[in-house]
PDB file of N, CA and C in Angstrom:
ATOM      1  N   MET A   1     -88.417  71.336  80.000  1.00  0.00           N
ATOM      2  CA  MET A   1     -88.018  70.824  81.286  1.00  0.00           C
ATOM      3  C   MET A   1     -86.811  69.901  81.090  1.00  0.00           C
ATOM      4  N   ARG A   2     -85.892  69.958  82.010  1.00  0.00           N
ATOM      5  CA  ARG A   2     -84.721  69.083  81.978  1.00  0.00           C
ATOM      6  C   ARG A   2     -85.147  67.630  82.182  1.00  0.00           C
ATOM      7  N   ILE A   3     -84.419  66.707  81.563  1.00  0.00           N
ATOM      8  CA  ILE A   3     -84.807  65.306  81.653  1.00  0.00           C
ATOM      9  C   ILE A   3     -84.671  64.762  83.075  1.00  0.00           C
ATOM     10  N   ASP A   4     -83.682  65.212  83.837  1.00  0.00           N
ATOM     11  CA  ASP A   4     -83.554  64.719  85.203  1.00  0.00           C
ATOM     12  C   ASP A   4     -84.736  65.179  86.061  1.00  0.00           C
ATOM     13  N   LYS A   5     -85.203  66.394  85.850  1.00  0.00           N
ATOM     14  CA  LYS A   5     -86.385  66.881  86.573  1.00  0.00           C
ATOM     15  C   LYS A   5     -87.639  66.146  86.129  1.00  0.00           C
ATOM     16  N   PHE A   6     -87.731  65.850  84.834  1.00  0.00           N
ATOM     17  CA  PHE A   6     -88.893  65.132  84.322  1.00  0.00           C
ATOM     18  C   PHE A   6     -88.997  63.740  84.938  1.00  0.00           C
ATOM     19  N   LEU A   7     -87.881  63.028  84.998  1.00  0.00           N
ATOM     20  CA  LEU A   7     -87.900  61.677  85.565  1.00  0.00           C
ATOM     21  C   LEU A   7     -88.371  61.690  87.012  1.00  0.00           C
ATOM     22  N   LYS A   8     -87.970  62.697  87.759  1.00  0.00           N
ATOM     23  CA  LYS A   8     -88.407  62.831  89.149  1.00  0.00           C
ATOM     24  C   LYS A   8     -89.879  63.232  89.216  1.00  0.00           C
ATOM     25  N   ALA A   9     -90.280  64.241  88.457  1.00  0.00           N
ATOM     26  CA  ALA A   9     -91.659  64.737  88.493  1.00  0.00           C
ATOM     27  C   ALA A   9     -92.656  63.697  87.996  1.00  0.00           C
ATOM     28  N   ALA A  10     -92.242  62.868  87.043  1.00  0.00           N
ATOM     29  CA  ALA A  10     -93.115  61.833  86.501  1.00  0.00           C
ATOM     30  C   ALA A  10     -93.116  60.570  87.367  1.00  0.00           C
ATOM     31  N   ARG A  11     -92.322  60.588  88.420  1.00  0.00           N
ATOM     32  CA  ARG A  11     -92.205  59.482  89.362  1.00  0.00           C
ATOM     33  C   ARG A  11     -91.625  58.206  88.724  1.00  0.00           C
ATOM     34  N   LEU A  12     -90.737  58.401  87.761  1.00  0.00           N
ATOM     35  CA  LEU A  12     -90.041  57.270  87.161  1.00  0.00           C
ATOM     36  C   LEU A  12     -88.804  56.904  87.973  1.00  0.00           C
ATOM     37  N   VAL A  13     -88.274  57.869  88.726  1.00  0.00           N
ATOM     38  CA  VAL A  13     -87.213  57.638  89.707  1.00  0.00           C
ATOM     39  C   VAL A  13     -87.585  58.405  90.972  1.00  0.00           C
ATOM     40  N   LYS A  14     -87.019  57.994  92.097  1.00  0.00           N
ATOM     41  CA  LYS A  14     -87.407  58.603  93.374  1.00  0.00           C
ATOM     42  C   LYS A  14     -86.751  59.949  93.641  1.00  0.00           C
ATOM     43  N   ARG A  15     -85.494  60.103  93.200  1.00  0.00           N
ATOM     44  CA  ARG A  15     -84.778  61.345  93.481  1.00  0.00           C
ATOM     45  C   ARG A  15     -84.094  61.863  92.222  1.00  0.00           C
ATOM     46  N   ARG A  16     -83.941  63.164  92.172  1.00  0.00           N
ATOM     47  CA  ARG A  16     -83.309  63.777  91.014  1.00  0.00           C
ATOM     48  C   ARG A  16     -81.838  63.397  90.908  1.00  0.00           C
ATOM     49  N   THR A  17     -81.163  63.241  92.027  1.00  0.00           N
ATOM     50  CA  THR A  17     -79.753  62.844  91.982  1.00  0.00           C
ATOM     51  C   THR A  17     -79.601  61.441  91.401  1.00  0.00           C
ATOM     52  N   VAL A  18     -80.550  60.575  91.704  1.00  0.00           N
ATOM     53  CA  VAL A  18     -80.525  59.221  91.127  1.00  0.00           C
ATOM     54  C   VAL A  18     -80.739  59.311  89.613  1.00  0.00           C
ATOM     55  N   ALA A  19     -81.648  60.179  89.190  1.00  0.00           N
ATOM     56  CA  ALA A  19     -81.893  60.371  87.763  1.00  0.00           C
ATOM     57  C   ALA A  19     -80.623  60.874  87.076  1.00  0.00           C
ATOM     58  N   GLN A  20     -79.933  61.812  87.689  1.00  0.00           N
ATOM     59  CA  GLN A  20     -78.697  62.344  87.111  1.00  0.00           C
ATOM     60  C   GLN A  20     -77.641  61.248  86.978  1.00  0.00           C
ATOM     61  N   GLU A  21     -77.508  60.407  88.001  1.00  0.00           N
ATOM     62  CA  GLU A  21     -76.535  59.320  87.952  1.00  0.00           C
ATOM     63  C   GLU A  21     -76.883  58.320  86.857  1.00  0.00           C
ATOM     64  N   MET A  22     -78.164  57.989  86.726  1.00  0.00           N
ATOM     65  CA  MET A  22     -78.590  57.051  85.681  1.00  0.00           C
ATOM     66  C   MET A  22     -78.295  57.616  84.294  1.00  0.00           C
ATOM     67  N   ILE A  23     -78.542  58.899  84.110  1.00  0.00           N
ATOM     68  CA  ILE A  23     -78.302  59.535  82.816  1.00  0.00           C
ATOM     69  C   ILE A  23     -76.809  59.532  82.496  1.00  0.00           C
ATOM     70  N   GLU A  24     -75.982  59.870  83.468  1.00  0.00           N
ATOM     71  CA  GLU A  24     -74.535  59.899  83.258  1.00  0.00           C
ATOM     72  C   GLU A  24     -73.960  58.515  82.987  1.00  0.00           C
ATOM     73  N   MET A  25     -74.584  57.462  83.540  1.00  0.00           N
ATOM     74  CA  MET A  25     -74.166  56.083  83.281  1.00  0.00           C
ATOM     75  C   MET A  25     -74.584  55.604  81.894  1.00  0.00           C
ATOM     76  N   GLY A  26     -75.526  56.306  81.283  1.00  0.00           N
ATOM     77  CA  GLY A  26     -76.014  55.886  79.973  1.00  0.00           C
ATOM     78  C   GLY A  26     -77.264  55.035  80.043  1.00  0.00           C
ATOM     79  N   ALA A  27     -77.908  54.994  81.201  1.00  0.00           N
ATOM     80  CA  ALA A  27     -79.101  54.171  81.384  1.00  0.00           C
ATOM     81  C   ALA A  27     -80.378  54.868  80.925  1.00  0.00           C
ATOM     82  N   VAL A  28     -80.264  56.107  80.455  1.00  0.00           N
ATOM     83  CA  VAL A  28     -81.432  56.849  79.967  1.00  0.00           C
ATOM     84  C   VAL A  28     -81.116  57.357  78.566  1.00  0.00           C
ATOM     85  N   ARG A  29     -82.070  57.157  77.667  1.00  0.00           N
ATOM     86  CA  ARG A  29     -81.919  57.648  76.295  1.00  0.00           C
ATOM     87  C   ARG A  29     -83.114  58.510  75.943  1.00  0.00           C
ATOM     88  N   LEU A  30     -82.856  59.508  75.147  1.00  0.00           N
ATOM     89  CA  LEU A  30     -83.891  60.429  74.683  1.00  0.00           C
ATOM     90  C   LEU A  30     -83.917  60.336  73.164  1.00  0.00           C
ATOM     91  N   ASP A  31     -85.015  59.855  72.618  1.00  0.00           N
ATOM     92  CA  ASP A  31     -85.164  59.639  71.169  1.00  0.00           C
ATOM     93  C   ASP A  31     -84.024  58.784  70.621  1.00  0.00           C
ATOM     94  N   ASP A  32     -83.736  57.667  71.282  1.00  0.00           N
ATOM     95  CA  ASP A  32     -82.716  56.687  70.885  1.00  0.00           C
ATOM     96  C   ASP A  32     -81.293  57.223  70.890  1.00  0.00           C
ATOM     97  N   ARG A  33     -81.040  58.291  71.644  1.00  0.00           N
ATOM     98  CA  ARG A  33     -79.696  58.847  71.769  1.00  0.00           C
ATOM     99  C   ARG A  33     -79.354  59.030  73.233  1.00  0.00           C
ATOM    100  N   THR A  34     -78.078  58.902  73.547  1.00  0.00           N
ATOM    101  CA  THR A  34     -77.665  59.202  74.910  1.00  0.00           C
ATOM    102  C   THR A  34     -77.873  60.690  75.150  1.00  0.00           C
ATOM    103  N   CYS A  35     -78.029  61.064  76.393  1.00  0.00           N
ATOM    104  CA  CYS A  35     -78.322  62.463  76.699  1.00  0.00           C
ATOM    105  C   CYS A  35     -77.575  62.893  77.952  1.00  0.00           C
ATOM    106  N   LYS A  36     -77.696  64.163  78.264  1.00  0.00           N
ATOM    107  CA  LYS A  36     -77.129  64.737  79.475  1.00  0.00           C
ATOM    108  C   LYS A  36     -78.275  65.056  80.427  1.00  0.00           C
ATOM    109  N   PRO A  37     -78.001  65.221  81.720  1.00  0.00           N
ATOM    110  CA  PRO A  37     -79.075  65.575  82.657  1.00  0.00           C
ATOM    111  C   PRO A  37     -79.781  66.882  82.301  1.00  0.00           C
ATOM    112  N   SER A  38     -79.118  67.748  81.570  1.00  0.00           N
ATOM    113  CA  SER A  38     -79.709  69.040  81.213  1.00  0.00           C
ATOM    114  C   SER A  38     -80.471  69.008  79.886  1.00  0.00           C
ATOM    115  N   SER A  39     -80.544  67.855  79.230  1.00  0.00           N
ATOM    116  CA  SER A  39     -81.267  67.758  77.959  1.00  0.00           C
ATOM    117  C   SER A  39     -82.730  68.095  78.156  1.00  0.00           C
ATOM    118  N   GLU A  40     -83.293  68.808  77.192  1.00  0.00           N
ATOM    119  CA  GLU A  40     -84.675  69.253  77.282  1.00  0.00           C
ATOM    120  C   GLU A  40     -85.644  68.173  76.822  1.00  0.00           C
ATOM    121  N   VAL A  41     -86.710  68.014  77.580  1.00  0.00           N
ATOM    122  CA  VAL A  41     -87.780  67.071  77.250  1.00  0.00           C
ATOM    123  C   VAL A  41     -88.988  67.895  76.805  1.00  0.00           C
ATOM    124  N   ALA A  42     -89.623  67.451  75.734  1.00  0.00           N
ATOM    125  CA  ALA A  42     -90.826  68.115  75.232  1.00  0.00           C
ATOM    126  C   ALA A  42     -91.884  67.049  74.949  1.00  0.00           C
ATOM    127  N   GLU A  43     -93.109  67.482  74.808  1.00  0.00           N
ATOM    128  CA  GLU A  43     -94.194  66.554  74.515  1.00  0.00           C
ATOM    129  C   GLU A  43     -93.916  65.835  73.201  1.00  0.00           C
ATOM    130  N   GLY A  44     -94.199  64.529  73.186  1.00  0.00           N
ATOM    131  CA  GLY A  44     -94.013  63.732  71.984  1.00  0.00           C
ATOM    132  C   GLY A  44     -92.676  63.034  71.892  1.00  0.00           C
ATOM    133  N   ARG A  45     -91.724  63.391  72.716  1.00  0.00           N
ATOM    134  CA  ARG A  45     -90.412  62.739  72.680  1.00  0.00           C
ATOM    135  C   ARG A  45     -90.484  61.395  73.383  1.00  0.00           C
ATOM    136  N   VAL A  46     -89.572  60.512  73.025  1.00  0.00           N
ATOM    137  CA  VAL A  46     -89.548  59.157  73.576  1.00  0.00           C
ATOM    138  C   VAL A  46     -88.341  59.019  74.498  1.00  0.00           C
ATOM    139  N   VAL A  47     -88.600  58.508  75.699  1.00  0.00           N
ATOM    140  CA  VAL A  47     -87.554  58.320  76.705  1.00  0.00           C
ATOM    141  C   VAL A  47     -87.463  56.828  77.025  1.00  0.00           C
ATOM    142  N   GLU A  48     -86.245  56.284  77.046  1.00  0.00           N
ATOM    143  CA  GLU A  48     -86.002  54.900  77.450  1.00  0.00           C
ATOM    144  C   GLU A  48     -85.200  54.917  78.744  1.00  0.00           C
ATOM    145  N   ILE A  49     -85.674  54.156  79.728  1.00  0.00           N
ATOM    146  CA  ILE A  49     -85.001  54.086  81.019  1.00  0.00           C
ATOM    147  C   ILE A  49     -84.637  52.633  81.289  1.00  0.00           C
ATOM    148  N   ALA A  50     -83.362  52.370  81.551  1.00  0.00           N
ATOM    149  CA  ALA A  50     -82.896  51.016  81.863  1.00  0.00           C
ATOM    150  C   ALA A  50     -82.746  50.898  83.373  1.00  0.00           C
ATOM    151  N   TYR A  51     -83.621  50.113  83.967  1.00  0.00           N
ATOM    152  CA  TYR A  51     -83.520  49.802  85.391  1.00  0.00           C
ATOM    153  C   TYR A  51     -82.680  48.527  85.529  1.00  0.00           C
ATOM    154  N   MET A  52     -82.577  48.001  86.720  1.00  0.00           N
ATOM    155  CA  MET A  52     -81.739  46.822  86.947  1.00  0.00           C
ATOM    156  C   MET A  52     -82.232  45.590  86.173  1.00  0.00           C
ATOM    157  N   THR A  53     -83.536  45.361  86.141  1.00  0.00           N
ATOM    158  CA  THR A  53     -84.053  44.148  85.509  1.00  0.00           C
ATOM    159  C   THR A  53     -85.059  44.403  84.390  1.00  0.00           C
ATOM    160  N   ARG A  54     -85.256  45.650  84.023  1.00  0.00           N
ATOM    161  CA  ARG A  54     -86.207  45.947  82.948  1.00  0.00           C
ATOM    162  C   ARG A  54     -85.840  47.244  82.248  1.00  0.00           C
ATOM    163  N   VAL A  55     -86.354  47.376  81.042  1.00  0.00           N
ATOM    164  CA  VAL A  55     -86.182  48.604  80.267  1.00  0.00           C
ATOM    165  C   VAL A  55     -87.582  49.114  79.948  1.00  0.00           C
ATOM    166  N   LEU A  56     -87.818  50.371  80.256  1.00  0.00           N
ATOM    167  CA  LEU A  56     -89.119  50.995  80.057  1.00  0.00           C
ATOM    168  C   LEU A  56     -88.983  52.088  79.000  1.00  0.00           C
ATOM    169  N   LYS A  57     -89.870  52.038  78.008  1.00  0.00           N
ATOM    170  CA  LYS A  57     -89.883  53.036  76.939  1.00  0.00           C
ATOM    171  C   LYS A  57     -91.200  53.794  77.042  1.00  0.00           C
ATOM    172  N   VAL A  58     -91.123  55.123  77.179  1.00  0.00           N
ATOM    173  CA  VAL A  58     -92.322  55.936  77.375  1.00  0.00           C
ATOM    174  C   VAL A  58     -92.335  57.112  76.393  1.00  0.00           C
ATOM    175  N   LYS A  59     -93.544  57.574  76.098  1.00  0.00           N
ATOM    176  CA  LYS A  59     -93.737  58.772  75.288  1.00  0.00           C
ATOM    177  C   LYS A  59     -94.174  59.889  76.223  1.00  0.00           C
ATOM    178  N   VAL A  60     -93.525  61.038  76.143  1.00  0.00           N
ATOM    179  CA  VAL A  60     -93.822  62.167  77.019  1.00  0.00           C
ATOM    180  C   VAL A  60     -95.145  62.804  76.593  1.00  0.00           C
ATOM    181  N   LEU A  61     -96.084  62.899  77.530  1.00  0.00           N
ATOM    182  CA  LEU A  61     -97.375  63.530  77.274  1.00  0.00           C
ATOM    183  C   LEU A  61     -97.427  64.951  77.810  1.00  0.00           C
ATOM    184  N   CYS A  62     -96.694  65.208  78.891  1.00  0.00           N
ATOM    185  CA  CYS A  62     -96.694  66.532  79.505  1.00  0.00           C
ATOM    186  C   CYS A  62     -95.301  66.815  80.054  1.00  0.00           C
ATOM    187  N   ALA A  63     -94.746  67.960  79.686  1.00  0.00           N
ATOM    188  CA  ALA A  63     -93.416  68.347  80.163  1.00  0.00           C
ATOM    189  C   ALA A  63     -93.476  69.643  80.956  1.00  0.00           C
ATOM    190  N   ASP A  64     -94.647  70.022  81.429  1.00  0.00           N
ATOM    191  CA  ASP A  64     -94.825  71.234  82.212  1.00  0.00           C
ATOM    192  C   ASP A  64     -94.717  70.893  83.694  1.00  0.00           C
ATOM    193  N   GLU A  65     -93.742  71.478  84.366  1.00  0.00           N
ATOM    194  CA  GLU A  65     -93.467  71.155  85.767  1.00  0.00           C
ATOM    195  C   GLU A  65     -94.658  71.443  86.673  1.00  0.00           C
ATOM    196  N   GLN A  66     -95.353  72.532  86.455  1.00  0.00           N
ATOM    197  CA  GLN A  66     -96.502  72.880  87.298  1.00  0.00           C
ATOM    198  C   GLN A  66     -97.661  71.912  87.095  1.00  0.00           C
ATOM    199  N   LEU A  67     -97.903  71.503  85.859  1.00  0.00           N
ATOM    200  CA  LEU A  67     -98.989  70.560  85.600  1.00  0.00           C
ATOM    201  C   LEU A  67     -98.689  69.169  86.158  1.00  0.00           C
ATOM    202  N   LEU A  68     -97.420  68.793  86.184  1.00  0.00           N
ATOM    203  CA  LEU A  68     -97.050  67.468  86.689  1.00  0.00           C
ATOM    204  C   LEU A  68     -97.249  67.340  88.195  1.00  0.00           C
ATOM    205  N   LYS A  69     -97.374  68.463  88.889  1.00  0.00           N
ATOM    206  CA  LYS A  69     -97.608  68.410  90.331  1.00  0.00           C
ATOM    207  C   LYS A  69     -99.039  67.993  90.653  1.00  0.00           C
ATOM    208  N   ARG A  70     -99.927  68.091  89.683  1.00  0.00           N
ATOM    209  CA  ARG A  70    -101.312  67.659  89.890  1.00  0.00           C
ATOM    210  C   ARG A  70    -101.385  66.144  89.810  1.00  0.00           C
ATOM    211  N   PRO A  71    -102.044  65.511  90.768  1.00  0.00           N
ATOM    212  CA  PRO A  71    -102.060  64.041  90.784  1.00  0.00           C
ATOM    213  C   PRO A  71    -102.792  63.406  89.606  1.00  0.00           C
ATOM    214  N   GLN A  72    -103.753  64.085  89.013  1.00  0.00           N
ATOM    215  CA  GLN A  72    -104.524  63.492  87.928  1.00  0.00           C
ATOM    216  C   GLN A  72    -103.851  63.661  86.560  1.00  0.00           C
ATOM    217  N   MET A  73    -102.770  64.409  86.487  1.00  0.00           N
ATOM    218  CA  MET A  73    -102.111  64.661  85.217  1.00  0.00           C
ATOM    219  C   MET A  73    -101.201  63.501  84.831  1.00  0.00           C
ATOM    220  N   ALA A  74    -101.375  62.987  83.618  1.00  0.00           N
ATOM    221  CA  ALA A  74    -100.525  61.902  83.116  1.00  0.00           C
ATOM    222  C   ALA A  74     -99.280  62.503  82.490  1.00  0.00           C
ATOM    223  N   ALA A  75     -98.131  62.086  82.952  1.00  0.00           N
ATOM    224  CA  ALA A  75     -96.871  62.625  82.454  1.00  0.00           C
ATOM    225  C   ALA A  75     -96.376  61.875  81.222  1.00  0.00           C
ATOM    226  N   TYR A  76     -96.704  60.598  81.133  1.00  0.00           N
ATOM    227  CA  TYR A  76     -96.185  59.774  80.046  1.00  0.00           C
ATOM    228  C   TYR A  76     -97.147  58.648  79.710  1.00  0.00           C
ATOM    229  N   GLU A  77     -96.902  58.058  78.549  1.00  0.00           N
ATOM    230  CA  GLU A  77     -97.633  56.875  78.103  1.00  0.00           C
ATOM    231  C   GLU A  77     -96.607  55.774  77.888  1.00  0.00           C
ATOM    232  N   ALA A  78     -96.788  54.629  78.528  1.00  0.00           N
ATOM    233  CA  ALA A  78     -95.850  53.520  78.375  1.00  0.00           C
ATOM    234  C   ALA A  78     -96.003  52.914  76.982  1.00  0.00           C
ATOM    235  N   LEU A  79     -94.906  52.826  76.268  1.00  0.00           N
ATOM    236  CA  LEU A  79     -94.917  52.249  74.930  1.00  0.00           C
ATOM    237  C   LEU A  79     -94.468  50.801  74.938  1.00  0.00           C
ATOM    238  N   GLU A  80     -93.442  50.512  75.742  1.00  0.00           N
ATOM    239  CA  GLU A  80     -92.872  49.170  75.764  1.00  0.00           C
ATOM    240  C   GLU A  80     -92.175  48.942  77.096  1.00  0.00           C
ATOM    241  N   GLU A  81     -92.265  47.724  77.581  1.00  0.00           N
ATOM    242  CA  GLU A  81     -91.532  47.331  78.780  1.00  0.00           C
ATOM    243  C   GLU A  81     -91.022  45.921  78.559  1.00  0.00           C
ATOM    244  N   ARG A  82     -89.719  45.747  78.705  1.00  0.00           N
ATOM    245  CA  ARG A  82     -89.154  44.409  78.514  1.00  0.00           C
ATOM    246  C   ARG A  82     -88.223  44.067  79.671  1.00  0.00           C
ATOM    247  N   GLN A  83     -88.189  42.812  79.992  1.00  0.00           N
ATOM    248  CA  GLN A  83     -87.342  42.312  81.064  1.00  0.00           C
ATOM    249  C   GLN A  83     -85.946  42.022  80.525  1.00  0.00           C
ATOM    250  N   VAL A  84     -84.942  42.285  81.329  1.00  0.00           N
ATOM    251  CA  VAL A  84     -83.558  41.953  81.003  1.00  0.00           C
ATOM    252  C   VAL A  84     -82.939  41.294  82.221  1.00  0.00           C
ATOM    253  N   SER A  85     -81.942  40.464  82.005  1.00  0.00           N
ATOM    254  CA  SER A  85     -81.280  39.844  83.142  1.00  0.00           C
ATOM    255  C   SER A  85     -80.375  40.865  83.827  1.00  0.00           C
ATOM    256  N   ALA A  86     -80.155  40.692  85.111  1.00  0.00           N
ATOM    257  CA  ALA A  86     -79.396  41.663  85.896  1.00  0.00           C
ATOM    258  C   ALA A  86     -77.932  41.744  85.464  1.00  0.00           C
ATOM    259  N   ASP A  87     -77.382  40.694  84.864  1.00  0.00           N
ATOM    260  CA  ASP A  87     -75.975  40.705  84.480  1.00  0.00           C
ATOM    261  C   ASP A  87     -75.733  41.294  83.100  1.00  0.00           C
ATOM    262  N   GLN A  88     -76.765  41.518  82.319  1.00  0.00           N
ATOM    263  CA  GLN A  88     -76.568  42.105  80.996  1.00  0.00           C
ATOM    264  C   GLN A  88     -76.881  43.588  81.012  1.00  0.00           C
ATOM    265  N   ARG A  89     -76.174  44.349  80.205  1.00  0.00           N
ATOM    266  CA  ARG A  89     -76.421  45.788  80.102  1.00  0.00           C
ATOM    267  C   ARG A  89     -77.279  46.022  78.870  1.00  0.00           C
ATOM    268  N   PRO A  90     -78.378  46.728  79.020  1.00  0.00           N
ATOM    269  CA  PRO A  90     -79.288  46.905  77.889  1.00  0.00           C
ATOM    270  C   PRO A  90     -78.698  47.691  76.720  1.00  0.00           C
ATOM    271  N   TRP A  91     -77.703  48.571  76.963  1.00  0.00           N
ATOM    272  CA  TRP A  91     -77.059  49.259  75.854  1.00  0.00           C
ATOM    273  C   TRP A  91     -75.584  49.330  76.054  1.00  0.00           C
TER     274      TRP A  91
END
């Protein structure tokens, strides 16, 4: 599954276009590397998302689009969450 679709399906961002913009800005990393919106996400990979005031690091548990539509399916496991000030860029 593409990373922009994963972020939307996992409810880490509200819209896929927002996910694409965040990825292009460099606010999303896949296994500690910058990525493109079309980068593939698989189970076990680590995704870091930089929001305005926090950075969230998650491990992908499910990358199947059909399974993620089920409400009881866990898409990710939170590994780390840290606060950052709004004026600093996390990377």
